[in-house]
């Protein structure tokens, strides 16, 4: 783990600071709270479905949309998968990433010239239950050692959060020549042996065909962990991990962690994507990046997308989506929703817009011209983030007046800063993005609603964490995802990585003051934009901004167990 050495150099004998937990009994967050509810209702991001969610919160004003457009609803009849025999041409050359960035963010392209480039073509079967694809991956060795192999991840084969689907690769070539490959870890790891070592600064090209089968309704009950991120349910097709993605090479070597059942499984470098999606013409498609072209091919609509610098490329589509849109800070926010959910979609649009305004001011500008918030059938999860797209569970759209709808939306929008733009190792340091994102959602309440609303949420988190600590115990915020999985109790992960970590950021803000706290976040965002950050980067930013050593404070909150 990134912080092992730093942790070992510290004394582990200092006693943790005693927290005082404000009851906040008169605040709406607290009045309706029941014992079984997690403050953020989270374990993994995926925000996990709570057992008895019935908090009532302050009402959020729904502002009118500036513009809206409709996708014609259509109900698909079940079909058997059909073979796809049409030629599936790749985009001929990498596209222009500037098309997917706001003008002020385009200067970052020059410093990312060695980032991987994916050229992908996807053809979705009319049944929506399978697909085929082609890929070219241009990979430059940015390390200081020669690489003899490259690893790709085939994440859907890990089951768990991906359900019971599959992803297979064939015809893999390296610079046009056949390559030796080896699958391992339930076919989630594909080792590609290079015919000649790839020296630092040198580039190689991987090309391949791939195909996938998509779980129906989250996968069968023998795999109950499926979130709905690689899934067909209620005529909504969600495609996470649909293509072979490069593993990360860092100071530890190649990162080949197994797919997680409780946390995120995508640890990836920033890359540029040029993607062609061919799908039935009656589908409304939302995807990472911006659409740059469209043409008809027989009974399919083929759409070209450019991503800009992103860590992943996600697709979601349905015949039943309707779209509401609004422009905020030069960003078009699109709210995709299913029939009967228009009221919730307006609220999702409003919360997303206000969150973006708050986070732009407090963290730094969102770099992309679009942000999509999507009403998606999910299981075990209330929300999931992807670059330029957030999913909010359809179950929440049924009761948008409850605070978990607003909290989940504000939380996932914050992930566009903490995960999408500033990345981190979600296996070694899951708290780094999840804890900061959780705390960020309270800033939406503070600056878009009222300080009292934010205080009520913080009080609720404090009481939930204190109750968990008394009932099942405490753990270190900085523990790895593997460690939390070994505890066989996901309450630890949600209560510590999300809630205790969020309370750490609130306490730190009180310790160093608003000016230093937000200056540190802005410096961290700018310094690590489109890169992979470590906890050391963030914690050092707070010490620099405050001009003081915070070792004892960090020890108490991050490395100690109460």
Protein backbone atom coordinates (compact mmCIF):
# COMPACT_ATOMS: atom_id res chain seq x y z
CA UNK A 1 0.00 0.00 0.00
CA UNK A 2 1.18 3.50 -0.75
CA UNK A 3 1.15 4.57 2.90
CA UNK A 4 2.71 1.52 4.58
CA UNK A 5 6.17 3.09 4.94
CA UNK A 6 4.84 6.36 6.23
CA UNK A 7 2.56 4.58 8.67
CA UNK A 8 5.38 2.42 10.02
CA UNK A 9 7.57 5.46 10.61
CA UNK A 10 4.98 6.89 12.95
CA UNK A 11 4.43 6.07 16.59
CA UNK A 12 1.24 4.08 16.96
CA UNK A 13 0.92 4.77 20.66
CA UNK A 14 -0.62 8.23 20.63
CA UNK A 15 -4.20 8.20 21.82
CA UNK A 16 -6.95 9.28 19.45
CA UNK A 17 -8.71 12.56 20.01
CA UNK A 18 -12.07 12.15 21.72
CA UNK A 19 -14.88 13.38 19.49
CA UNK A 20 -17.98 15.03 20.84
CA UNK A 21 -21.02 13.87 18.89
CA UNK A 22 -23.68 16.56 18.53
CA UNK A 23 -27.11 15.00 18.65
CA UNK A 24 -28.81 17.49 16.35
CA UNK A 25 -32.15 16.06 17.39
CA UNK A 26 -34.21 18.90 15.95
CA UNK A 27 -32.73 18.79 12.47
CA UNK A 28 -34.79 17.03 9.79
CA UNK A 29 -31.91 14.67 9.01
CA UNK A 30 -32.12 13.43 12.57
CA UNK A 31 -35.84 13.56 13.29
CA UNK A 32 -36.66 10.74 10.91
CA UNK A 33 -33.42 8.74 11.20
CA UNK A 34 -33.79 5.11 12.08
CA UNK A 35 -31.22 2.89 13.68
CA UNK A 36 -30.61 0.80 10.56
CA UNK A 37 -29.58 3.58 8.15
CA UNK A 38 -26.03 4.43 7.17
CA UNK A 39 -25.44 8.15 6.97
CA UNK A 40 -24.47 8.04 3.32
CA UNK A 41 -26.01 4.63 2.80
CA UNK A 42 -22.78 3.45 1.30
CA UNK A 43 -20.44 0.55 0.95
CA UNK A 44 -18.40 0.82 -2.23
CA UNK A 45 -19.09 3.57 -4.65
CA UNK A 46 -21.62 2.05 -5.62
CA UNK A 47 -23.66 3.53 -2.80
CA UNK A 48 -25.17 0.45 -1.22
CA UNK A 49 -28.90 0.03 -0.77
CA UNK A 50 -29.87 0.75 2.85
CA UNK A 51 -32.04 -1.67 4.82
CA UNK A 52 -34.70 0.83 5.90
CA UNK A 53 -34.23 4.23 4.24
CA UNK A 54 -36.74 6.76 5.53
CA UNK A 55 -34.87 9.96 6.32
CA UNK A 56 -36.64 13.18 5.46
CA UNK A 57 -34.57 16.23 4.59
CA UNK A 58 -35.02 19.88 3.85
CA UNK A 59 -36.79 20.31 0.52
CA UNK A 60 -34.60 21.20 -2.43
CA UNK A 61 -35.97 23.71 -4.90
CA UNK A 62 -36.42 22.34 -8.40
CA UNK A 63 -35.39 25.04 -10.84
CA UNK A 64 -36.93 25.02 -14.31
CA UNK A 65 -34.85 23.49 -17.06
CA UNK A 66 -33.55 25.75 -19.78
CA UNK A 67 -34.08 23.20 -22.52
CA UNK A 68 -35.28 19.66 -22.90
CA UNK A 69 -35.52 17.03 -25.60
CA UNK A 70 -37.25 13.69 -25.73
CA UNK A 71 -36.21 10.24 -26.81
CA UNK A 72 -39.20 8.35 -28.14
CA UNK A 73 -40.08 5.67 -25.59
CA UNK A 74 -40.25 2.13 -26.92
CA UNK A 75 -40.63 -1.18 -25.12
CA UNK A 76 -38.33 -3.90 -26.41
CA UNK A 77 -39.67 -7.41 -26.77
CA UNK A 78 -37.31 -10.19 -25.63
CA UNK A 79 -35.15 -11.55 -28.42
CA UNK A 80 -32.54 -14.25 -28.72
CA UNK A 81 -29.01 -13.01 -29.42
CA UNK A 82 -28.16 -13.02 -33.12
CA UNK A 83 -24.74 -13.38 -34.66
CA UNK A 84 -23.19 -10.19 -35.97
CA UNK A 85 -21.46 -10.66 -39.28
CA UNK A 86 -21.26 -7.10 -40.60
CA UNK A 87 -17.84 -5.47 -40.98
CA UNK A 88 -17.07 -3.44 -37.88
CA UNK A 89 -14.54 -0.78 -38.88
CA UNK A 90 -12.47 0.99 -36.25
CA UNK A 91 -12.20 4.75 -36.26
CA UNK A 92 -9.31 5.25 -38.72
CA UNK A 93 -7.17 7.54 -36.55
CA UNK A 94 -7.20 8.95 -33.03
CA UNK A 95 -9.58 11.86 -32.82
CA UNK A 96 -9.09 15.36 -31.46
CA UNK A 97 -9.36 15.30 -27.63
CA UNK A 98 -9.81 19.07 -27.59
CA UNK A 99 -13.39 18.51 -28.78
CA UNK A 100 -14.18 16.93 -25.41
CA UNK A 101 -12.62 19.63 -23.23
CA UNK A 102 -13.64 23.15 -22.30
CA UNK A 103 -11.28 25.71 -23.87
CA UNK A 104 -9.50 26.50 -20.59
CA UNK A 105 -8.69 22.80 -20.05
CA UNK A 106 -7.20 22.12 -23.49
CA UNK A 107 -3.73 23.17 -22.41
CA UNK A 108 -3.49 19.91 -20.43
CA UNK A 109 -3.42 17.88 -23.66
CA UNK A 110 0.19 18.83 -24.35
CA UNK A 111 1.49 17.32 -21.12
CA UNK A 112 -0.43 14.08 -21.74
CA UNK A 113 1.12 13.23 -25.11
CA UNK A 114 2.32 9.85 -23.81
CA UNK A 115 -1.04 8.83 -22.33
CA UNK A 116 -2.54 5.65 -23.81
CA UNK A 117 -4.88 6.05 -26.77
CA UNK A 118 -7.78 3.69 -27.34
CA UNK A 119 -9.52 3.34 -30.70
CA UNK A 120 -12.61 1.22 -30.08
CA UNK A 121 -15.53 0.04 -32.17
CA UNK A 122 -18.57 -1.60 -30.59
CA UNK A 123 -21.57 -3.25 -32.22
CA UNK A 124 -24.51 -4.08 -29.96
CA UNK A 125 -26.75 -7.00 -30.85
CA UNK A 126 -30.43 -6.04 -31.42
CA UNK A 127 -31.33 -8.21 -28.41
CA UNK A 128 -29.06 -5.98 -26.27
CA UNK A 129 -27.73 -9.16 -24.67
CA UNK A 130 -24.36 -9.35 -26.44
CA UNK A 131 -21.87 -7.33 -28.44
CA UNK A 132 -18.72 -7.58 -30.54
CA UNK A 133 -15.90 -5.10 -30.83
CA UNK A 134 -12.51 -4.19 -32.22
CA UNK A 135 -9.73 -2.35 -30.40
CA UNK A 136 -6.43 -0.67 -31.11
CA UNK A 137 -4.49 0.48 -28.07
CA UNK A 138 -1.48 2.75 -28.54
CA UNK A 139 0.69 2.34 -25.45
CA UNK A 140 3.81 4.35 -24.60
CA UNK A 141 6.10 3.11 -21.84
CA UNK A 142 6.09 6.00 -19.34
CA UNK A 143 8.08 4.04 -16.75
CA UNK A 144 11.83 4.09 -16.14
CA UNK A 145 12.23 0.35 -16.79
CA UNK A 146 11.92 -1.78 -19.90
CA UNK A 147 8.64 -3.70 -20.04
CA UNK A 148 8.60 -7.27 -21.31
CA UNK A 149 4.84 -7.67 -21.04
CA UNK A 150 1.68 -5.60 -20.88
CA UNK A 151 -1.39 -6.58 -18.88
CA UNK A 152 -5.02 -6.02 -19.82
CA UNK A 153 -7.99 -6.39 -17.49
CA UNK A 154 -11.19 -8.17 -18.53
CA UNK A 155 -13.23 -7.01 -15.56
CA UNK A 156 -16.66 -8.56 -16.29
CA UNK A 157 -15.14 -12.03 -15.97
CA UNK A 158 -14.57 -11.33 -12.27
CA UNK A 159 -18.35 -11.59 -11.69
CA UNK A 160 -19.21 -10.04 -8.28
CA UNK A 161 -20.24 -6.42 -8.98
CA UNK A 162 -20.30 -7.13 -12.74
CA UNK A 163 -22.89 -9.92 -12.54
CA UNK A 164 -22.62 -13.16 -14.49
CA UNK A 165 -21.61 -11.90 -17.95
CA UNK A 166 -18.36 -12.37 -19.83
CA UNK A 167 -15.72 -10.64 -21.98
CA UNK A 168 -13.39 -12.54 -24.31
CA UNK A 169 -10.52 -11.43 -26.55
CA UNK A 170 -9.27 -12.96 -29.81
CA UNK A 171 -6.90 -12.15 -32.68
CA UNK A 172 -4.55 -10.19 -30.43
CA UNK A 173 -1.53 -8.77 -32.21
CA UNK A 174 1.40 -6.61 -31.16
CA UNK A 175 2.55 -4.17 -33.84
CA UNK A 176 0.81 -6.34 -36.39
CA UNK A 177 2.40 -9.63 -35.35
CA UNK A 178 0.79 -12.50 -33.45
CA UNK A 179 1.45 -12.37 -29.73
CA UNK A 180 1.70 -14.88 -26.90
CA UNK A 181 -1.01 -14.34 -24.30
CA UNK A 182 -1.99 -15.91 -20.99
CA UNK A 183 -5.21 -15.64 -18.98
CA UNK A 184 -5.33 -15.86 -15.19
CA UNK A 185 -7.41 -14.96 -12.12
CA UNK A 186 -10.76 -16.19 -13.47
CA UNK A 187 -9.87 -14.76 -16.88
CA UNK A 188 -9.78 -11.19 -15.54
CA UNK A 189 -6.05 -10.77 -16.31
CA UNK A 190 -4.69 -11.05 -19.84
CA UNK A 191 -0.89 -11.07 -20.03
CA UNK A 192 0.51 -10.00 -23.39
CA UNK A 193 4.15 -11.00 -23.87
CA UNK A 194 6.03 -8.49 -26.03
CA UNK A 195 8.29 -9.92 -28.74
CA UNK A 196 10.87 -7.24 -27.89
CA UNK A 197 11.19 -5.36 -24.61
CA UNK A 198 9.56 -1.94 -24.65
CA UNK A 199 12.13 0.62 -23.51
CA UNK A 200 11.15 3.81 -21.66
CA UNK A 201 9.59 6.28 -24.09
CA UNK A 202 8.93 3.67 -26.79
CA UNK A 203 5.44 2.97 -28.12
CA UNK A 204 3.70 -0.21 -29.19
CA UNK A 205 0.29 -0.98 -30.63
CA UNK A 206 -2.03 -3.74 -29.47
CA UNK A 207 -4.91 -4.74 -31.72
CA UNK A 208 -7.62 -7.29 -30.99
CA UNK A 209 -11.20 -8.39 -31.42
CA UNK A 210 -13.45 -8.88 -28.40
CA UNK A 211 -16.98 -9.95 -27.60
CA UNK A 212 -19.19 -9.96 -24.54
CA UNK A 213 -22.35 -11.39 -23.09
CA UNK A 214 -24.39 -9.15 -20.83
CA UNK A 215 -26.17 -10.27 -17.64
CA UNK A 216 -29.94 -10.03 -17.60
CA UNK A 217 -31.44 -8.45 -14.47
CA UNK A 218 -28.10 -8.31 -12.59
CA UNK A 219 -27.15 -11.94 -13.10
CA UNK A 220 -28.64 -14.98 -11.48
CA UNK A 221 -29.08 -15.37 -7.74
CA UNK A 222 -25.90 -17.43 -7.47
CA UNK A 223 -24.07 -14.12 -7.97
CA UNK A 224 -25.99 -11.71 -5.74
CA UNK A 225 -23.31 -9.00 -5.75
CA UNK A 226 -24.11 -7.55 -9.19
CA UNK A 227 -24.62 -3.77 -9.12
CA UNK A 228 -26.18 -3.33 -12.55
CA UNK A 229 -23.13 -1.67 -14.10
CA UNK A 230 -22.73 -4.40 -16.76
CA UNK A 231 -26.32 -5.34 -17.20
CA UNK A 232 -29.59 -5.35 -19.13
CA UNK A 233 -32.62 -4.62 -16.97
CA UNK A 234 -35.89 -2.80 -17.62
CA UNK A 235 -34.70 -2.22 -21.19
CA UNK A 236 -31.67 -0.27 -19.90
CA UNK A 237 -28.29 -1.48 -21.16
CA UNK A 238 -25.33 -0.54 -18.93
CA UNK A 239 -21.81 -1.24 -20.17
CA UNK A 240 -19.00 -0.85 -17.67
CA UNK A 241 -15.77 -2.71 -18.40
CA UNK A 242 -17.00 -3.66 -21.89
CA UNK A 243 -13.53 -3.50 -23.49
CA UNK A 244 -10.04 -4.73 -22.47
CA UNK A 245 -8.52 -1.97 -20.31
CA UNK A 246 -4.84 -1.51 -19.54
CA UNK A 247 -3.69 -2.37 -16.04
CA UNK A 248 -1.71 0.28 -14.17
CA UNK A 249 2.05 -0.02 -13.80
CA UNK A 250 3.33 1.94 -10.80
CA UNK A 251 5.99 1.68 -8.09
CA UNK A 252 4.55 -1.71 -7.13
CA UNK A 253 4.75 -3.03 -10.68
CA UNK A 254 1.64 -4.14 -12.54
CA UNK A 255 -1.50 -3.75 -10.42
CA UNK A 256 -3.60 -6.89 -10.91
CA UNK A 257 -6.01 -6.81 -7.98
CA UNK A 258 -9.07 -9.09 -8.15
CA UNK A 259 -12.51 -7.66 -8.86
CA UNK A 260 -14.13 -6.50 -5.61
CA UNK A 261 -17.53 -7.40 -4.21
CA UNK A 262 -17.76 -4.31 -1.98
CA UNK A 263 -15.62 -1.62 -3.60
CA UNK A 264 -14.55 -0.18 -6.90
CA UNK A 265 -12.61 -2.40 -9.28
CA UNK A 266 -11.35 0.13 -11.83
CA UNK A 267 -7.85 1.45 -11.15
CA UNK A 268 -6.68 2.99 -14.40
CA UNK A 269 -4.48 5.66 -15.92
CA UNK A 270 -5.84 8.63 -17.79
CA UNK A 271 -6.16 7.85 -21.50
CA UNK A 272 -7.71 9.26 -24.66
CA UNK A 273 -10.62 7.39 -26.26
CA UNK A 274 -11.97 7.57 -29.79
CA UNK A 275 -15.02 5.28 -29.88
CA UNK A 276 -17.56 4.22 -32.49
CA UNK A 277 -20.79 2.73 -31.12
CA UNK A 278 -23.16 0.95 -33.52
CA UNK A 279 -26.49 0.12 -31.92
CA UNK A 280 -30.19 -0.16 -32.83
CA UNK A 281 -31.45 3.17 -34.10
CA UNK A 282 -34.18 3.50 -31.48
CA UNK A 283 -31.74 3.56 -28.54
CA UNK A 284 -30.95 6.80 -26.75
CA UNK A 285 -27.25 6.51 -25.88
CA UNK A 286 -25.28 8.31 -23.18
CA UNK A 287 -21.52 7.81 -23.11
CA UNK A 288 -18.34 9.28 -21.73
CA UNK A 289 -17.13 12.30 -23.71
CA UNK A 290 -18.94 14.08 -26.53
CA UNK A 291 -20.55 12.77 -29.68
CA UNK A 292 -18.73 14.04 -32.78
CA UNK A 293 -20.55 12.29 -35.64
CA UNK A 294 -23.37 9.90 -36.49
CA UNK A 295 -24.32 7.88 -39.55
CA UNK A 296 -26.75 5.09 -40.34
CA UNK A 297 -25.50 1.64 -41.23
CA UNK A 298 -28.31 -0.68 -42.30
CA UNK A 299 -30.62 -0.87 -39.25
CA UNK A 300 -27.98 0.54 -36.89
CA UNK A 301 -27.03 4.04 -35.84
CA UNK A 302 -23.24 4.45 -35.61
CA UNK A 303 -22.11 7.25 -33.30
CA UNK A 304 -18.55 8.51 -32.86
CA UNK A 305 -17.39 9.79 -29.48
CA UNK A 306 -14.28 11.57 -28.27
CA UNK A 307 -13.44 11.38 -24.57
CA UNK A 308 -10.70 13.85 -23.78
CA UNK A 309 -8.42 12.66 -20.93
CA UNK A 310 -10.44 10.11 -18.93
CA UNK A 311 -9.84 6.95 -16.89
CA UNK A 312 -12.57 4.83 -18.41
CA UNK A 313 -15.27 4.85 -21.08
CA UNK A 314 -18.82 4.04 -20.00
CA UNK A 315 -21.95 3.54 -22.09
CA UNK A 316 -25.60 3.35 -21.09
CA UNK A 317 -28.57 3.17 -23.46
CA UNK A 318 -32.32 2.64 -23.49
CA UNK A 319 -35.32 2.92 -25.79
CA UNK A 320 -37.17 4.51 -22.89
CA UNK A 321 -34.93 7.43 -21.94
CA UNK A 322 -36.16 11.01 -22.02
CA UNK A 323 -33.64 13.81 -21.54
CA UNK A 324 -33.76 17.15 -19.74
CA UNK A 325 -30.80 19.51 -20.19
CA UNK A 326 -29.39 22.68 -18.70
CA UNK A 327 -26.19 24.67 -19.12
CA UNK A 328 -24.23 25.69 -16.02
CA UNK A 329 -20.74 27.23 -16.05
CA UNK A 330 -20.50 26.38 -19.78
CA UNK A 331 -21.23 22.71 -19.03
CA UNK A 332 -24.31 21.02 -20.48
CA UNK A 333 -25.87 18.77 -17.86
CA UNK A 334 -28.16 16.06 -19.25
CA UNK A 335 -30.64 14.25 -17.04
CA UNK A 336 -31.68 10.90 -18.57
CA UNK A 337 -34.78 9.39 -17.02
CA UNK A 338 -37.24 6.53 -17.38
CA UNK A 339 -41.05 6.79 -17.69
CA UNK A 340 -42.79 8.14 -14.60
CA UNK A 341 -39.64 9.75 -13.19
CA UNK A 342 -39.83 13.29 -14.59
CA UNK A 343 -40.15 14.97 -11.18
CA UNK A 344 -37.09 13.16 -9.88
CA UNK A 345 -35.20 13.90 -13.12
CA UNK A 346 -35.78 17.62 -12.63
CA UNK A 347 -34.46 17.34 -9.09
CA UNK A 348 -31.45 15.33 -10.30
CA UNK A 349 -30.74 18.07 -12.84
CA UNK A 350 -31.06 20.76 -10.19
CA UNK A 351 -28.84 19.01 -7.64
CA UNK A 352 -26.24 18.18 -10.29
CA UNK A 353 -26.18 21.78 -11.52
CA UNK A 354 -25.86 23.24 -8.02
CA UNK A 355 -23.22 20.67 -7.05
CA UNK A 356 -21.18 21.50 -10.13
CA UNK A 357 -21.30 25.21 -9.30
CA UNK A 358 -20.22 24.59 -5.70
CA UNK A 359 -17.42 22.18 -6.60
CA UNK A 360 -16.15 24.43 -9.41
CA UNK A 361 -15.78 27.20 -6.87
CA UNK A 362 -14.33 25.17 -4.02
CA UNK A 363 -12.11 22.65 -5.87
CA UNK A 364 -11.40 23.96 -9.36
CA UNK A 365 -13.14 23.90 -12.73
CA UNK A 366 -14.75 20.79 -14.18
CA UNK A 367 -12.85 20.36 -17.47
CA UNK A 368 -15.46 18.76 -19.73
CA UNK A 369 -18.34 20.35 -21.68
CA UNK A 370 -20.91 17.69 -20.66
CA UNK A 371 -22.07 15.85 -17.57
CA UNK A 372 -24.76 13.17 -17.73
CA UNK A 373 -26.84 12.00 -14.75
CA UNK A 374 -28.73 8.81 -15.51
CA UNK A 375 -31.71 7.03 -13.97
CA UNK A 376 -30.51 3.40 -13.95
CA UNK A 377 -31.85 0.12 -12.55
CA UNK A 378 -29.40 -0.99 -9.88
CA UNK A 379 -29.08 -3.67 -7.22
CA UNK A 380 -26.98 -3.35 -4.06
CA UNK A 381 -26.12 0.19 -5.10
CA UNK A 382 -27.61 3.67 -5.00
CA UNK A 383 -25.12 5.29 -7.35
CA UNK A 384 -21.95 4.75 -9.36
CA UNK A 385 -19.57 7.22 -11.01
CA UNK A 386 -17.85 7.18 -14.41
CA UNK A 387 -15.98 9.90 -16.27
CA UNK A 388 -18.58 12.42 -17.39
CA UNK A 389 -21.49 10.21 -16.29
CA UNK A 390 -23.09 9.36 -12.98
CA UNK A 391 -25.71 6.70 -12.33
CA UNK A 392 -28.38 7.12 -9.67
CA UNK A 393 -30.53 4.10 -8.84
CA UNK A 394 -34.01 4.05 -10.32
CA UNK A 395 -35.34 3.03 -6.91
CA UNK A 396 -34.37 6.49 -5.62
CA UNK A 397 -36.27 8.15 -8.47
CA UNK A 398 -39.44 6.64 -7.00
CA UNK A 399 -39.09 8.80 -3.85
CA UNK A 400 -37.04 11.86 -4.79
CA UNK A 401 -38.18 13.83 -1.74
CA UNK A 402 -36.04 11.62 0.50
CA UNK A 403 -32.54 12.93 1.27
CA UNK A 404 -30.71 9.82 0.04
CA UNK A 405 -31.65 10.83 -3.54
CA UNK A 406 -30.03 14.23 -3.13
CA UNK A 407 -27.03 12.95 -1.17
CA UNK A 408 -26.36 10.20 -3.71
CA UNK A 409 -26.53 12.66 -6.61
CA UNK A 410 -24.25 15.24 -4.95
CA UNK A 411 -21.84 12.45 -3.95
CA UNK A 412 -21.53 11.03 -7.45
CA UNK A 413 -21.06 14.47 -9.01
CA UNK A 414 -18.17 15.08 -6.58
CA UNK A 415 -16.50 11.95 -7.95
CA UNK A 416 -15.92 13.85 -11.16
CA UNK A 417 -13.20 15.70 -9.21
CA UNK A 418 -12.10 12.91 -6.86
CA UNK A 419 -11.67 9.78 -9.02
CA UNK A 420 -12.25 11.02 -12.57
CA UNK A 421 -9.89 14.01 -12.81
CA UNK A 422 -7.70 13.23 -9.79
CA UNK A 423 -7.27 9.47 -9.70
CA UNK A 424 -6.00 7.18 -6.94
CA UNK A 425 -5.40 3.53 -6.23
CA UNK A 426 -8.87 2.39 -5.18
CA UNK A 427 -7.48 -0.92 -3.88
CA UNK A 428 -4.65 0.43 -1.71
CA UNK A 429 -6.23 3.73 -0.66
CA UNK A 430 -10.00 3.56 -1.13
CA UNK A 431 -10.57 6.28 1.48
CA UNK A 432 -8.73 8.86 -0.60
CA UNK A 433 -11.51 9.41 -3.11
CA UNK A 434 -14.46 7.99 -1.16
CA UNK A 435 -13.87 9.89 2.06
CA UNK A 436 -13.22 13.17 0.27
CA UNK A 437 -16.19 12.66 -2.03
CA UNK A 438 -18.46 11.89 0.91
CA UNK A 439 -17.37 15.06 2.68
CA UNK A 440 -17.80 17.00 -0.58
CA UNK A 441 -21.48 16.10 -0.65
CA UNK A 442 -21.89 17.98 2.64
CA UNK A 443 -20.45 21.05 0.91
CA UNK A 444 -23.31 20.89 -1.57
CA UNK A 445 -25.70 21.14 1.36
CA UNK A 446 -23.70 23.92 3.01
CA UNK A 447 -23.31 26.19 0.00
CA UNK A 448 -26.34 25.29 -2.15
CA UNK A 449 -28.87 24.88 0.68
CA UNK A 450 -27.80 26.13 4.10
CA UNK A 451 -25.10 25.61 6.74
CA UNK A 452 -27.80 24.10 8.98
CA UNK A 453 -28.59 21.45 6.38
CA UNK A 454 -24.92 20.52 6.14
CA UNK A 455 -24.59 20.41 9.92
CA UNK A 456 -27.55 18.07 10.16
CA UNK A 457 -25.90 15.67 7.72
CA UNK A 458 -22.59 15.83 9.58
CA UNK A 459 -24.34 15.23 12.90
CA UNK A 460 -26.07 12.22 11.40
CA UNK A 461 -22.75 10.80 10.19
CA UNK A 462 -21.20 11.33 13.62
CA UNK A 463 -24.01 9.48 15.35
CA UNK A 464 -23.90 6.67 12.79
CA UNK A 465 -20.14 6.27 13.16
CA UNK A 466 -20.34 6.35 16.96
CA UNK A 467 -23.10 3.72 16.92
CA UNK A 468 -21.05 1.50 14.62
CA UNK A 469 -17.96 1.92 16.78
CA UNK A 470 -19.90 0.81 19.84
CA UNK A 471 -21.67 -2.10 18.12
CA UNK A 472 -18.98 -3.69 15.94
CA UNK A 473 -15.82 -1.67 16.54
CA UNK A 474 -13.56 0.62 14.58
CA UNK A 475 -10.85 0.29 11.91
CA UNK A 476 -8.12 2.45 10.40
CA UNK A 477 -9.30 4.84 7.71
CA UNK A 478 -6.16 4.06 5.69
CA UNK A 479 -6.64 0.28 5.51
CA UNK A 480 -6.72 -1.33 2.06
CA UNK A 481 -9.77 -2.67 0.25
CA UNK A 482 -8.36 -6.18 0.61
CA UNK A 483 -8.23 -5.72 4.37
CA UNK A 484 -11.83 -4.52 4.58
CA UNK A 485 -12.96 -7.46 2.44
CA UNK A 486 -11.18 -9.83 4.84
CA UNK A 487 -13.39 -8.60 7.70
CA UNK A 488 -16.46 -10.16 6.03
CA UNK A 489 -18.61 -7.28 7.23
CA UNK A 490 -19.22 -4.49 4.69
CA UNK A 491 -20.41 -2.17 7.46
CA UNK A 492 -16.77 -1.55 8.34
CA UNK A 493 -16.00 -0.41 4.80
CA UNK A 494 -18.95 1.97 4.58
CA UNK A 495 -18.63 3.28 8.13
CA UNK A 496 -14.88 3.86 8.01
CA UNK A 497 -13.88 4.55 4.39
CA UNK A 498 -16.87 6.83 3.79
CA UNK A 499 -18.17 8.19 7.07
CA UNK A 500 -15.16 8.23 9.41
CA UNK A 501 -13.01 9.58 6.57
CA UNK A 502 -15.58 12.31 5.86
CA UNK A 503 -15.56 13.26 9.53
CA UNK A 504 -11.76 13.46 9.34
CA UNK A 505 -12.03 16.09 6.60
CA UNK A 506 -14.58 18.05 8.60
CA UNK A 507 -12.35 17.98 11.69
CA UNK A 508 -9.35 18.98 9.58
CA UNK A 509 -11.24 21.96 8.20
CA UNK A 510 -12.00 23.07 11.75
CA UNK A 511 -8.35 22.52 12.69
CA UNK A 512 -6.72 24.60 9.92
CA UNK A 513 -9.54 26.95 8.90
CA UNK A 514 -11.48 27.44 5.69
CA UNK A 515 -8.83 29.42 3.83
CA UNK A 516 -6.11 26.80 4.22
CA UNK A 517 -8.51 23.87 3.78
CA UNK A 518 -9.91 24.97 0.43
CA UNK A 519 -6.56 26.30 -0.78
CA UNK A 520 -5.13 22.82 -0.18
CA UNK A 521 -7.93 21.13 -2.11
CA UNK A 522 -7.49 23.50 -5.03
CA UNK A 523 -3.70 22.99 -5.04
CA UNK A 524 -4.14 19.21 -4.87
CA UNK A 525 -6.65 19.27 -7.74
CA UNK A 526 -4.40 21.36 -9.97
CA UNK A 527 -1.19 19.47 -9.14
CA UNK A 528 -2.63 15.97 -9.63
CA UNK A 529 -5.13 16.66 -12.42
CA UNK A 530 -5.39 13.66 -14.78
CA UNK A 531 -2.77 11.84 -12.73
CA UNK A 532 -2.81 9.23 -9.96
CA UNK A 533 -2.51 10.83 -6.54
CA UNK A 534 -1.56 9.28 -3.23
CA UNK A 535 -2.64 10.13 0.29
CA UNK A 536 0.82 11.64 0.77
CA UNK A 537 0.02 14.19 -1.95
CA UNK A 538 -3.22 15.26 -0.29
CA UNK A 539 -1.96 15.33 3.28
CA UNK A 540 1.15 17.28 2.26
CA UNK A 541 -1.09 19.82 0.52
CA UNK A 542 -2.92 20.51 3.79
CA UNK A 543 0.36 20.94 5.68
CA UNK A 544 1.69 23.31 3.02
CA UNK A 545 -1.48 25.40 2.91
CA UNK A 546 -1.72 25.63 6.69
CA UNK A 547 2.01 26.12 7.28
CA UNK A 548 1.99 23.59 10.10
CA UNK A 549 2.82 19.97 10.80
CA UNK A 550 -0.31 17.86 11.12
CA UNK A 551 1.37 14.55 11.97
CA UNK A 552 -0.35 14.12 15.33
CA UNK A 553 -3.72 15.03 13.85
CA UNK A 554 -3.26 12.54 11.02
CA UNK A 555 -2.14 9.87 13.44
CA UNK A 556 -5.25 10.24 15.55
CA UNK A 557 -7.72 10.25 12.69
CA UNK A 558 -6.18 8.11 9.97
CA UNK A 559 -3.87 5.57 11.59
CA UNK A 560 -5.53 4.83 14.92
CA UNK A 561 -8.45 2.69 16.03
CA UNK A 562 -10.79 4.00 18.68
